Amino acid sequence: MIEREFKLLLDANALKKIQIHYAFMAQGFMIVADGNPLETSKRDTREFKTLDGAAKFLFKYGVADFEVKLKTTH
């Protein structure tokens, strides 16, 4: 989902689970909302260099309750 869709779903209270995952291959972080990664307008996964950067992005949209997954394998 792109940022605009993310905002619309947030405004409608339609997102149940928001997580920040460590992206091992990119050595950074990505935001996952209800199992769907946040994407750029070109449909590439939106990557954040730091956990702090991903958290600031979520705070910008009023999200203060989210999970952090540093290891995504079970």
C-alpha atoms as a PDB file:
ATOM      1  CA  MET A   1       0.000   0.000   0.000  1.00  0.00           C
ATOM      2  CA  ILE A   2       1.229   3.468  -0.811  1.00  0.00           C
ATOM      3  CA  GLU A   3       1.338   6.329   1.685  1.00  0.00           C
ATOM      4  CA  ARG A   4      -1.978   7.825   0.522  1.00  0.00           C
ATOM      5  CA  GLU A   5      -3.776   4.481   1.019  1.00  0.00           C
ATOM      6  CA  PHE A   6      -2.114   4.106   4.417  1.00  0.00           C
ATOM      7  CA  LYS A   7      -3.402   7.521   5.506  1.00  0.00           C
ATOM      8  CA  LEU A   8      -6.944   6.791   4.256  1.00  0.00           C
ATOM      9  CA  LEU A   9      -7.041   3.484   6.127  1.00  0.00           C
ATOM     10  CA  LEU A  10      -5.710   5.145   9.286  1.00  0.00           C
ATOM     11  CA  ASP A  11      -8.344   7.891   9.068  1.00  0.00           C
ATOM     12  CA  ALA A  12     -11.043   5.231   8.713  1.00  0.00           C
ATOM     13  CA  ASN A  13      -9.631   3.245  11.685  1.00  0.00           C
ATOM     14  CA  ALA A  14      -9.396   0.275   9.326  1.00  0.00           C
ATOM     15  CA  LEU A  15      -5.871  -0.860  10.264  1.00  0.00           C
ATOM     16  CA  LYS A  16      -5.640  -3.391  13.063  1.00  0.00           C
ATOM     17  CA  LYS A  17      -1.904  -4.128  13.290  1.00  0.00           C
ATOM     18  CA  ILE A  18       1.024  -1.865  12.440  1.00  0.00           C
ATOM     19  CA  GLN A  19       4.561  -3.165  12.718  1.00  0.00           C
ATOM     20  CA  ILE A  20       8.071  -2.013  11.956  1.00  0.00           C
ATOM     21  CA  HIS A  21      10.159  -4.897  10.605  1.00  0.00           C
ATOM     22  CA  TYR A  22      13.898  -5.073  10.308  1.00  0.00           C
ATOM     23  CA  ALA A  23      14.638  -5.605   6.607  1.00  0.00           C
ATOM     24  CA  PHE A  24      17.774  -7.765   6.657  1.00  0.00           C
ATOM     25  CA  MET A  25      18.573  -7.472   2.940  1.00  0.00           C
ATOM     26  CA  ALA A  26      18.239  -3.678   2.968  1.00  0.00           C
ATOM     27  CA  GLN A  27      19.817  -3.374   6.422  1.00  0.00           C
ATOM     28  CA  GLY A  28      17.070  -0.976   7.373  1.00  0.00           C
ATOM     29  CA  PHE A  29      13.452  -0.980   8.452  1.00  0.00           C
ATOM     30  CA  MET A  30      10.067  -1.181   6.769  1.00  0.00           C
ATOM     31  CA  ILE A  31       6.521  -0.520   7.943  1.00  0.00           C
ATOM     32  CA  VAL A  32       3.964  -3.312   7.623  1.00  0.00           C
ATOM     33  CA  ALA A  33       0.254  -2.584   8.140  1.00  0.00           C
ATOM     34  CA  ASP A  34      -2.085  -5.566   8.397  1.00  0.00           C
ATOM     35  CA  GLY A  35       0.492  -7.697   6.575  1.00  0.00           C
ATOM     36  CA  ASN A  36       1.045  -5.231   3.709  1.00  0.00           C
ATOM     37  CA  PRO A  37       4.323  -3.329   3.413  1.00  0.00           C
ATOM     38  CA  LEU A  38       4.277   0.414   2.951  1.00  0.00           C
ATOM     39  CA  GLU A  39       5.377   1.222  -0.607  1.00  0.00           C
ATOM     40  CA  THR A  40       6.619   4.165  -2.622  1.00  0.00           C
ATOM     41  CA  SER A  41       4.526   5.559  -5.472  1.00  0.00           C
ATOM     42  CA  LYS A  42       6.563   3.288  -7.789  1.00  0.00           C
ATOM     43  CA  ARG A  43       5.397   0.278  -5.729  1.00  0.00           C
ATOM     44  CA  ASP A  44       8.831  -0.419  -4.232  1.00  0.00           C
ATOM     45  CA  THR A  45       8.946  -1.203  -0.525  1.00  0.00           C
ATOM     46  CA  ARG A  46       9.482   2.015   1.430  1.00  0.00           C
ATOM     47  CA  GLU A  47      12.673   1.615   3.426  1.00  0.00           C
ATOM     48  CA  PHE A  48      13.883   3.572   6.442  1.00  0.00           C
ATOM     49  CA  LYS A  49      17.557   3.630   7.433  1.00  0.00           C
ATOM     50  CA  THR A  50      16.797   3.726  11.150  1.00  0.00           C
ATOM     51  CA  LEU A  51      14.135   2.493  13.521  1.00  0.00           C
ATOM     52  CA  ASP A  52      13.830   6.085  14.696  1.00  0.00           C
ATOM     53  CA  GLY A  53      13.051   7.243  11.141  1.00  0.00           C
ATOM     54  CA  ALA A  54      10.270   4.665  10.760  1.00  0.00           C
ATOM     55  CA  ALA A  55       8.822   5.603  14.164  1.00  0.00           C
ATOM     56  CA  LYS A  56       8.881   9.317  13.289  1.00  0.00           C
ATOM     57  CA  PHE A  57       6.984   8.531  10.077  1.00  0.00           C
ATOM     58  CA  LEU A  58       4.284   6.737  12.097  1.00  0.00           C
ATOM     59  CA  PHE A  59       4.133   9.524  14.704  1.00  0.00           C
ATOM     60  CA  LYS A  60       3.599  12.015  11.859  1.00  0.00           C
ATOM     61  CA  TYR A  61       0.325  10.207  11.118  1.00  0.00           C
ATOM     62  CA  GLY A  62      -0.666   9.931  14.768  1.00  0.00           C
ATOM     63  CA  VAL A  63       0.308   6.286  15.226  1.00  0.00           C
ATOM     64  CA  ALA A  64       1.763   5.775  18.688  1.00  0.00           C
ATOM     65  CA  ASP A  65       0.928   2.083  19.145  1.00  0.00           C
ATOM     66  CA  PHE A  66       2.915  -0.306  16.966  1.00  0.00           C
ATOM     67  CA  GLU A  67       5.067  -3.426  17.213  1.00  0.00           C
ATOM     68  CA  VAL A  68       8.745  -3.730  16.373  1.00  0.00           C
ATOM     69  CA  LYS A  69       9.918  -7.030  14.849  1.00  0.00           C
ATOM     70  CA  LEU A  70      13.693  -7.274  14.706  1.00  0.00           C
ATOM     71  CA  LYS A  71      13.628 -10.904  13.630  1.00  0.00           C
ATOM     72  CA  THR A  72      10.924 -11.787  11.113  1.00  0.00           C
ATOM     73  CA  THR A  73      11.538 -15.561  10.955  1.00  0.00           C
ATOM     74  CA  HIS A  74       9.785 -17.822  13.465  1.00  0.00           C
END
